[in-house]
């Protein structure tokens, strides 16, 4: 019996559509940044960390499309929580 083990786990994972992320990162970088922030997870040991935005992602992404600085201001005002998920 062969036992396989992972030597190194890459610390980032993306849970959204990679194709959309790449397309928007190239065509409209502010929207690509917001998609990345919305769907990225940072892994450390048995925990996964991600941001949970307290407002509506619809409005943040809409403003990222129309006028990026307003989207940043809205995210700063509404706030975001860093969430830790412990994997078993």
PDB file of N, CA and C in Angstrom:
ATOM      1  N   UNK A   1       0.837  -1.166   0.000  1.00  0.00           N
ATOM      2  CA  UNK A   1       0.000   0.000   0.000  1.00  0.00           C
ATOM      3  C   UNK A   1       0.890   1.241   0.000  1.00  0.00           C
ATOM      4  N   UNK A   2       0.576   2.180  -0.883  1.00  0.00           N
ATOM      5  CA  UNK A   2       1.328   3.421  -0.993  1.00  0.00           C
ATOM      6  C   UNK A   2       0.572   4.536  -0.288  1.00  0.00           C
ATOM      7  N   UNK A   3       1.269   5.237   0.583  1.00  0.00           N
ATOM      8  CA  UNK A   3       0.677   6.364   1.280  1.00  0.00           C
ATOM      9  C   UNK A   3       1.210   7.634   0.643  1.00  0.00           C
ATOM     10  N   UNK A   4       0.288   8.478   0.192  1.00  0.00           N
ATOM     11  CA  UNK A   4       0.691   9.730  -0.436  1.00  0.00           C
ATOM     12  C   UNK A   4       0.461  10.855   0.555  1.00  0.00           C
ATOM     13  N   UNK A   5       1.404  11.743   0.626  1.00  0.00           N
ATOM     14  CA  UNK A   5       1.247  12.890   1.507  1.00  0.00           C
ATOM     15  C   UNK A   5       1.650  14.156   0.759  1.00  0.00           C
ATOM     16  N   UNK A   6       1.079  15.250   1.177  1.00  0.00           N
ATOM     17  CA  UNK A   6       1.392  16.542   0.595  1.00  0.00           C
ATOM     18  C   UNK A   6       2.526  17.165   1.386  1.00  0.00           C
ATOM     19  N   UNK A   7       3.546  17.577   0.687  1.00  0.00           N
ATOM     20  CA  UNK A   7       4.684  18.189   1.381  1.00  0.00           C
ATOM     21  C   UNK A   7       4.448  19.656   1.673  1.00  0.00           C
ATOM     22  N   UNK A   8       3.836  20.367   0.730  1.00  0.00           N
ATOM     23  CA  UNK A   8       3.618  21.797   0.916  1.00  0.00           C
ATOM     24  C   UNK A   8       2.259  22.167   0.336  1.00  0.00           C
ATOM     25  N   UNK A   9       1.468  22.840   1.125  1.00  0.00           N
ATOM     26  CA  UNK A   9       0.169  23.317   0.667  1.00  0.00           C
ATOM     27  C   UNK A   9       0.320  24.791   0.332  1.00  0.00           C
ATOM     28  N   UNK A  10      -0.072  25.159  -0.880  1.00  0.00           N
ATOM     29  CA  UNK A  10       0.009  26.566  -1.284  1.00  0.00           C
ATOM     30  C   UNK A  10      -0.913  27.379  -0.388  1.00  0.00           C
ATOM     31  N   UNK A  11      -0.461  28.502   0.155  1.00  0.00           N
ATOM     32  CA  UNK A  11      -1.230  29.209   1.176  1.00  0.00           C
ATOM     33  C   UNK A  11      -2.463  29.964   0.677  1.00  0.00           C
ATOM     34  N   UNK A  12      -2.660  30.095  -0.633  1.00  0.00           N
ATOM     35  CA  UNK A  12      -3.822  30.803  -1.150  1.00  0.00           C
ATOM     36  C   UNK A  12      -4.693  29.881  -1.981  1.00  0.00           C
ATOM     37  N   UNK A  13      -5.993  30.079  -1.883  1.00  0.00           N
ATOM     38  CA  UNK A  13      -6.905  29.386  -2.784  1.00  0.00           C
ATOM     39  C   UNK A  13      -7.967  30.377  -3.217  1.00  0.00           C
ATOM     40  N   UNK A  14      -8.534  30.136  -4.381  1.00  0.00           N
ATOM     41  CA  UNK A  14      -9.550  31.016  -4.935  1.00  0.00           C
ATOM     42  C   UNK A  14     -10.801  30.191  -5.178  1.00  0.00           C
ATOM     43  N   UNK A  15     -11.937  30.619  -4.617  1.00  0.00           N
ATOM     44  CA  UNK A  15     -13.154  29.818  -4.714  1.00  0.00           C
ATOM     45  C   UNK A  15     -14.094  30.248  -5.831  1.00  0.00           C
ATOM     46  N   UNK A  16     -13.761  31.318  -6.543  1.00  0.00           N
ATOM     47  CA  UNK A  16     -14.616  31.786  -7.632  1.00  0.00           C
ATOM     48  C   UNK A  16     -14.147  31.247  -8.975  1.00  0.00           C
ATOM     49  N   UNK A  17     -14.656  31.832 -10.027  1.00  0.00           N
ATOM     50  CA  UNK A  17     -14.291  31.446 -11.383  1.00  0.00           C
ATOM     51  C   UNK A  17     -12.943  32.073 -11.759  1.00  0.00           C
ATOM     52  N   UNK A  18     -11.962  31.231 -12.023  1.00  0.00           N
ATOM     53  CA  UNK A  18     -10.647  31.741 -12.397  1.00  0.00           C
ATOM     54  C   UNK A  18     -10.675  32.451 -13.746  1.00  0.00           C
ATOM     55  N   UNK A  19     -11.528  31.977 -14.644  1.00  0.00           N
ATOM     56  CA  UNK A  19     -11.616  32.600 -15.965  1.00  0.00           C
ATOM     57  C   UNK A  19     -12.113  34.041 -15.837  1.00  0.00           C
ATOM     58  N   UNK A  20     -13.175  34.250 -15.043  1.00  0.00           N
ATOM     59  CA  UNK A  20     -13.679  35.612 -14.835  1.00  0.00           C
ATOM     60  C   UNK A  20     -12.640  36.486 -14.144  1.00  0.00           C
ATOM     61  N   UNK A  21     -11.945  35.932 -13.166  1.00  0.00           N
ATOM     62  CA  UNK A  21     -10.911  36.698 -12.474  1.00  0.00           C
ATOM     63  C   UNK A  21      -9.836  37.159 -13.449  1.00  0.00           C
ATOM     64  N   UNK A  22      -9.362  36.279 -14.292  1.00  0.00           N
ATOM     65  CA  UNK A  22      -8.306  36.624 -15.246  1.00  0.00           C
ATOM     66  C   UNK A  22      -8.802  37.645 -16.267  1.00  0.00           C
ATOM     67  N   UNK A  23     -10.016  37.429 -16.793  1.00  0.00           N
ATOM     68  CA  UNK A  23     -10.569  38.357 -17.791  1.00  0.00           C
ATOM     69  C   UNK A  23     -10.726  39.751 -17.197  1.00  0.00           C
ATOM     70  N   UNK A  24     -11.323  39.838 -16.000  1.00  0.00           N
ATOM     71  CA  UNK A  24     -11.526  41.151 -15.400  1.00  0.00           C
ATOM     72  C   UNK A  24     -10.222  41.767 -14.906  1.00  0.00           C
ATOM     73  N   UNK A  25      -9.280  40.968 -14.468  1.00  0.00           N
ATOM     74  CA  UNK A  25      -7.983  41.510 -14.044  1.00  0.00           C
ATOM     75  C   UNK A  25      -7.257  42.144 -15.229  1.00  0.00           C
ATOM     76  N   UNK A  26      -7.458  41.602 -16.429  1.00  0.00           N
ATOM     77  CA  UNK A  26      -6.823  42.161 -17.623  1.00  0.00           C
ATOM     78  C   UNK A  26      -7.628  43.342 -18.174  1.00  0.00           C
ATOM     79  N   UNK A  27      -8.950  43.165 -18.319  1.00  0.00           N
ATOM     80  CA  UNK A  27      -9.794  44.191 -18.949  1.00  0.00           C
ATOM     81  C   UNK A  27     -10.178  45.323 -18.007  1.00  0.00           C
ATOM     82  N   UNK A  28     -10.466  45.013 -16.762  1.00  0.00           N
ATOM     83  CA  UNK A  28     -10.899  46.017 -15.786  1.00  0.00           C
ATOM     84  C   UNK A  28     -10.290  45.674 -14.430  1.00  0.00           C
ATOM     85  N   UNK A  29      -9.032  46.066 -14.201  1.00  0.00           N
ATOM     86  CA  UNK A  29      -8.311  45.677 -12.978  1.00  0.00           C
ATOM     87  C   UNK A  29      -9.024  45.969 -11.654  1.00  0.00           C
ATOM     88  N   UNK A  30      -9.729  47.101 -11.496  1.00  0.00           N
ATOM     89  CA  UNK A  30     -10.418  47.304 -10.205  1.00  0.00           C
ATOM     90  C   UNK A  30     -11.431  46.209  -9.895  1.00  0.00           C
ATOM     91  N   UNK A  31     -12.160  45.771 -10.904  1.00  0.00           N
ATOM     92  CA  UNK A  31     -13.129  44.697 -10.695  1.00  0.00           C
ATOM     93  C   UNK A  31     -12.410  43.384 -10.398  1.00  0.00           C
ATOM     94  N   UNK A  32     -11.283  43.147 -11.055  1.00  0.00           N
ATOM     95  CA  UNK A  32     -10.482  41.961 -10.767  1.00  0.00           C
ATOM     96  C   UNK A  32     -10.001  41.941  -9.324  1.00  0.00           C
ATOM     97  N   UNK A  33      -9.620  43.107  -8.806  1.00  0.00           N
ATOM     98  CA  UNK A  33      -9.176  43.209  -7.411  1.00  0.00           C
ATOM     99  C   UNK A  33     -10.324  42.860  -6.466  1.00  0.00           C
ATOM    100  N   UNK A  34     -11.516  43.388  -6.729  1.00  0.00           N
ATOM    101  CA  UNK A  34     -12.654  43.093  -5.863  1.00  0.00           C
ATOM    102  C   UNK A  34     -13.055  41.629  -5.934  1.00  0.00           C
ATOM    103  N   UNK A  35     -13.006  41.028  -7.110  1.00  0.00           N
ATOM    104  CA  UNK A  35     -13.307  39.599  -7.212  1.00  0.00           C
ATOM    105  C   UNK A  35     -12.281  38.777  -6.440  1.00  0.00           C
ATOM    106  N   UNK A  36     -11.019  39.190  -6.514  1.00  0.00           N
ATOM    107  CA  UNK A  36      -9.966  38.488  -5.777  1.00  0.00           C
ATOM    108  C   UNK A  36     -10.204  38.596  -4.270  1.00  0.00           C
ATOM    109  N   UNK A  37     -10.498  39.800  -3.800  1.00  0.00           N
ATOM    110  CA  UNK A  37     -10.745  40.005  -2.370  1.00  0.00           C
ATOM    111  C   UNK A  37     -11.953  39.196  -1.904  1.00  0.00           C
ATOM    112  N   UNK A  38     -12.982  39.130  -2.742  1.00  0.00           N
ATOM    113  CA  UNK A  38     -14.216  38.440  -2.372  1.00  0.00           C
ATOM    114  C   UNK A  38     -14.038  36.932  -2.259  1.00  0.00           C
ATOM    115  N   UNK A  39     -13.182  36.334  -3.074  1.00  0.00           N
ATOM    116  CA  UNK A  39     -13.124  34.876  -3.171  1.00  0.00           C
ATOM    117  C   UNK A  39     -11.819  34.228  -2.734  1.00  0.00           C
ATOM    118  N   UNK A  40     -10.859  34.994  -2.266  1.00  0.00           N
ATOM    119  CA  UNK A  40      -9.570  34.402  -1.894  1.00  0.00           C
ATOM    120  C   UNK A  40      -9.598  33.922  -0.443  1.00  0.00           C
ATOM    121  N   UNK A  41      -8.877  32.853  -0.193  1.00  0.00           N
ATOM    122  CA  UNK A  41      -8.696  32.316   1.163  1.00  0.00           C
ATOM    123  C   UNK A  41      -7.209  32.085   1.394  1.00  0.00           C
ATOM    124  N   UNK A  42      -6.774  32.431   2.598  1.00  0.00           N
ATOM    125  CA  UNK A  42      -5.390  32.226   3.003  1.00  0.00           C
ATOM    126  C   UNK A  42      -5.369  31.050   3.962  1.00  0.00           C
ATOM    127  N   UNK A  43      -4.547  30.043   3.670  1.00  0.00           N
ATOM    128  CA  UNK A  43      -4.476  28.832   4.489  1.00  0.00           C
ATOM    129  C   UNK A  43      -3.203  28.840   5.325  1.00  0.00           C
ATOM    130  N   UNK A  44      -3.374  28.551   6.604  1.00  0.00           N
ATOM    131  CA  UNK A  44      -2.234  28.433   7.507  1.00  0.00           C
ATOM    132  C   UNK A  44      -2.545  27.321   8.495  1.00  0.00           C
ATOM    133  N   UNK A  45      -1.701  26.323   8.514  1.00  0.00           N
ATOM    134  CA  UNK A  45      -1.896  25.140   9.349  1.00  0.00           C
ATOM    135  C   UNK A  45      -3.274  24.533   9.067  1.00  0.00           C
ATOM    136  N   UNK A  46      -4.124  24.431  10.079  1.00  0.00           N
ATOM    137  CA  UNK A  46      -5.460  23.858   9.886  1.00  0.00           C
ATOM    138  C   UNK A  46      -6.546  24.918   9.803  1.00  0.00           C
ATOM    139  N   UNK A  47      -6.166  26.155   9.502  1.00  0.00           N
ATOM    140  CA  UNK A  47      -7.121  27.250   9.441  1.00  0.00           C
ATOM    141  C   UNK A  47      -7.146  27.869   8.055  1.00  0.00           C
ATOM    142  N   UNK A  48      -8.297  28.414   7.707  1.00  0.00           N
ATOM    143  CA  UNK A  48      -8.455  29.177   6.475  1.00  0.00           C
ATOM    144  C   UNK A  48      -9.008  30.545   6.854  1.00  0.00           C
ATOM    145  N   UNK A  49      -8.397  31.603   6.348  1.00  0.00           N
ATOM    146  CA  UNK A  49      -8.804  32.971   6.645  1.00  0.00           C
ATOM    147  C   UNK A  49      -9.351  33.614   5.375  1.00  0.00           C
ATOM    148  N   UNK A  50     -10.432  34.373   5.525  1.00  0.00           N
ATOM    149  CA  UNK A  50     -10.978  35.115   4.398  1.00  0.00           C
ATOM    150  C   UNK A  50     -11.711  36.344   4.924  1.00  0.00           C
ATOM    151  N   UNK A  51     -12.043  37.276   4.014  1.00  0.00           N
ATOM    152  CA  UNK A  51     -12.763  38.483   4.396  1.00  0.00           C
ATOM    153  C   UNK A  51     -14.258  38.289   4.183  1.00  0.00           C
ATOM    154  N   UNK A  52     -15.037  38.710   5.152  1.00  0.00           N
ATOM    155  CA  UNK A  52     -16.491  38.730   5.012  1.00  0.00           C
ATOM    156  C   UNK A  52     -16.906  40.198   5.052  1.00  0.00           C
ATOM    157  N   UNK A  53     -17.326  40.699   3.906  1.00  0.00           N
ATOM    158  CA  UNK A  53     -17.747  42.095   3.781  1.00  0.00           C
ATOM    159  C   UNK A  53     -19.108  42.276   4.436  1.00  0.00           C
ATOM    160  N   UNK A  54     -19.274  43.335   5.215  1.00  0.00           N
ATOM    161  CA  UNK A  54     -20.513  43.568   5.943  1.00  0.00           C
ATOM    162  C   UNK A  54     -21.615  44.183   5.086  1.00  0.00           C
ATOM    163  N   UNK A  55     -21.262  44.683   3.923  1.00  0.00           N
ATOM    164  CA  UNK A  55     -22.245  45.301   3.038  1.00  0.00           C
ATOM    165  C   UNK A  55     -22.638  44.365   1.913  1.00  0.00           C
ATOM    166  N   UNK A  56     -23.228  44.941   0.898  1.00  0.00           N
ATOM    167  CA  UNK A  56     -23.670  44.192  -0.264  1.00  0.00           C
ATOM    168  C   UNK A  56     -22.547  44.135  -1.302  1.00  0.00           C
ATOM    169  N   UNK A  57     -22.162  42.928  -1.699  1.00  0.00           N
ATOM    170  CA  UNK A  57     -21.134  42.784  -2.732  1.00  0.00           C
ATOM    171  C   UNK A  57     -21.616  43.351  -4.056  1.00  0.00           C
ATOM    172  N   UNK A  58     -22.925  43.315  -4.285  1.00  0.00           N
ATOM    173  CA  UNK A  58     -23.476  43.873  -5.528  1.00  0.00           C
ATOM    174  C   UNK A  58     -23.088  45.340  -5.678  1.00  0.00           C
ATOM    175  N   UNK A  59     -23.299  46.130  -4.614  1.00  0.00           N
ATOM    176  CA  UNK A  59     -22.993  47.559  -4.698  1.00  0.00           C
ATOM    177  C   UNK A  59     -21.492  47.812  -4.763  1.00  0.00           C
ATOM    178  N   UNK A  60     -20.722  47.050  -4.030  1.00  0.00           N
ATOM    179  CA  UNK A  60     -19.267  47.230  -4.077  1.00  0.00           C
ATOM    180  C   UNK A  60     -18.730  46.934  -5.479  1.00  0.00           C
ATOM    181  N   UNK A  61     -19.218  45.869  -6.088  1.00  0.00           N
ATOM    182  CA  UNK A  61     -18.746  45.517  -7.430  1.00  0.00           C
ATOM    183  C   UNK A  61     -19.291  46.497  -8.467  1.00  0.00           C
ATOM    184  N   UNK A  62     -20.537  46.949  -8.318  1.00  0.00           N
ATOM    185  CA  UNK A  62     -21.083  47.945  -9.235  1.00  0.00           C
ATOM    186  C   UNK A  62     -20.248  49.215  -9.212  1.00  0.00           C
ATOM    187  N   UNK A  63     -19.893  49.689  -8.013  1.00  0.00           N
ATOM    188  CA  UNK A  63     -19.076  50.890  -7.915  1.00  0.00           C
ATOM    189  C   UNK A  63     -17.642  50.633  -8.380  1.00  0.00           C
ATOM    190  N   UNK A  64     -17.165  49.419  -8.246  1.00  0.00           N
ATOM    191  CA  UNK A  64     -15.832  49.097  -8.783  1.00  0.00           C
ATOM    192  C   UNK A  64     -15.850  49.195 -10.307  1.00  0.00           C
ATOM    193  N   UNK A  65     -16.974  48.868 -10.916  1.00  0.00           N
ATOM    194  CA  UNK A  65     -17.101  48.985 -12.380  1.00  0.00           C
ATOM    195  C   UNK A  65     -17.214  50.458 -12.780  1.00  0.00           C
ATOM    196  N   UNK A  66     -18.066  51.214 -12.070  1.00  0.00           N
ATOM    197  CA  UNK A  66     -18.338  52.596 -12.458  1.00  0.00           C
ATOM    198  C   UNK A  66     -17.243  53.569 -12.036  1.00  0.00           C
ATOM    199  N   UNK A  67     -16.851  53.526 -10.768  1.00  0.00           N
ATOM    200  CA  UNK A  67     -15.881  54.495 -10.250  1.00  0.00           C
ATOM    201  C   UNK A  67     -15.193  53.876  -9.037  1.00  0.00           C
ATOM    202  N   UNK A  68     -13.998  53.363  -9.261  1.00  0.00           N
ATOM    203  CA  UNK A  68     -13.284  52.554  -8.277  1.00  0.00           C
ATOM    204  C   UNK A  68     -13.105  53.216  -6.906  1.00  0.00           C
ATOM    205  N   UNK A  69     -12.727  54.516  -6.818  1.00  0.00           N
ATOM    206  CA  UNK A  69     -12.524  55.099  -5.474  1.00  0.00           C
ATOM    207  C   UNK A  69     -13.763  55.051  -4.583  1.00  0.00           C
ATOM    208  N   UNK A  70     -14.952  55.166  -5.161  1.00  0.00           N
ATOM    209  CA  UNK A  70     -16.167  55.082  -4.343  1.00  0.00           C
ATOM    210  C   UNK A  70     -16.311  53.675  -3.763  1.00  0.00           C
ATOM    211  N   UNK A  71     -15.960  52.658  -4.532  1.00  0.00           N
ATOM    212  CA  UNK A  71     -16.035  51.278  -4.039  1.00  0.00           C
ATOM    213  C   UNK A  71     -15.099  51.079  -2.848  1.00  0.00           C
ATOM    214  N   UNK A  72     -13.928  51.657  -2.902  1.00  0.00           N
ATOM    215  CA  UNK A  72     -12.980  51.545  -1.789  1.00  0.00           C
ATOM    216  C   UNK A  72     -13.529  52.257  -0.555  1.00  0.00           C
ATOM    217  N   UNK A  73     -14.112  53.435  -0.763  1.00  0.00           N
ATOM    218  CA  UNK A  73     -14.691  54.188   0.359  1.00  0.00           C
ATOM    219  C   UNK A  73     -15.853  53.410   0.982  1.00  0.00           C
ATOM    220  N   UNK A  74     -16.714  52.831   0.139  1.00  0.00           N
ATOM    221  CA  UNK A  74     -17.843  52.049   0.648  1.00  0.00           C
ATOM    222  C   UNK A  74     -17.351  50.855   1.455  1.00  0.00           C
ATOM    223  N   UNK A  75     -16.317  50.166   0.956  1.00  0.00           N
ATOM    224  CA  UNK A  75     -15.775  49.028   1.717  1.00  0.00           C
ATOM    225  C   UNK A  75     -15.182  49.480   3.042  1.00  0.00           C
ATOM    226  N   UNK A  76     -14.533  50.636   3.051  1.00  0.00           N
ATOM    227  CA  UNK A  76     -13.938  51.139   4.293  1.00  0.00           C
ATOM    228  C   UNK A  76     -15.019  51.532   5.303  1.00  0.00           C
ATOM    229  N   UNK A  77     -16.101  52.139   4.819  1.00  0.00           N
ATOM    230  CA  UNK A  77     -17.169  52.569   5.722  1.00  0.00           C
ATOM    231  C   UNK A  77     -17.942  51.374   6.273  1.00  0.00           C
ATOM    232  N   UNK A  78     -18.328  50.455   5.400  1.00  0.00           N
ATOM    233  CA  UNK A  78     -19.111  49.289   5.835  1.00  0.00           C
ATOM    234  C   UNK A  78     -18.265  48.316   6.648  1.00  0.00           C
ATOM    235  N   UNK A  79     -17.017  48.165   6.271  1.00  0.00           N
ATOM    236  CA  UNK A  79     -16.117  47.293   7.010  1.00  0.00           C
ATOM    237  C   UNK A  79     -16.154  45.848   6.552  1.00  0.00           C
ATOM    238  N   UNK A  80     -15.160  45.122   6.961  1.00  0.00           N
ATOM    239  CA  UNK A  80     -15.063  43.701   6.639  1.00  0.00           C
ATOM    240  C   UNK A  80     -14.476  42.981   7.847  1.00  0.00           C
ATOM    241  N   UNK A  81     -14.879  41.754   8.026  1.00  0.00           N
ATOM    242  CA  UNK A  81     -14.378  40.932   9.120  1.00  0.00           C
ATOM    243  C   UNK A  81     -13.420  39.890   8.567  1.00  0.00           C
ATOM    244  N   UNK A  82     -12.359  39.626   9.295  1.00  0.00           N
ATOM    245  CA  UNK A  82     -11.470  38.526   8.950  1.00  0.00           C
ATOM    246  C   UNK A  82     -12.019  37.300   9.664  1.00  0.00           C
ATOM    247  N   UNK A  83     -12.401  36.303   8.882  1.00  0.00           N
ATOM    248  CA  UNK A  83     -13.021  35.101   9.425  1.00  0.00           C
ATOM    249  C   UNK A  83     -12.014  33.957   9.384  1.00  0.00           C
ATOM    250  N   UNK A  84     -11.946  33.206  10.450  1.00  0.00           N
ATOM    251  CA  UNK A  84     -11.078  32.036  10.508  1.00  0.00           C
ATOM    252  C   UNK A  84     -11.938  30.774  10.554  1.00  0.00           C
ATOM    253  N   UNK A  85     -11.737  29.909   9.601  1.00  0.00           N
ATOM    254  CA  UNK A  85     -12.387  28.597   9.604  1.00  0.00           C
ATOM    255  C   UNK A  85     -11.356  27.561   9.969  1.00  0.00           C
ATOM    256  N   UNK A  86     -11.678  26.730  10.929  1.00  0.00           N
ATOM    257  CA  UNK A  86     -10.762  25.668  11.341  1.00  0.00           C
ATOM    258  C   UNK A  86     -11.187  24.399  10.639  1.00  0.00           C
ATOM    259  N   UNK A  87     -10.259  23.840   9.877  1.00  0.00           N
ATOM    260  CA  UNK A  87     -10.535  22.600   9.143  1.00  0.00           C
ATOM    261  C   UNK A  87     -10.139  21.412  10.008  1.00  0.00           C
ATOM    262  N   UNK A  88     -10.920  20.371   9.973  1.00  0.00           N
ATOM    263  CA  UNK A  88     -10.632  19.179  10.778  1.00  0.00           C
ATOM    264  C   UNK A  88     -10.099  18.085   9.891  1.00  0.00           C
TER     265      UNK A  88
END
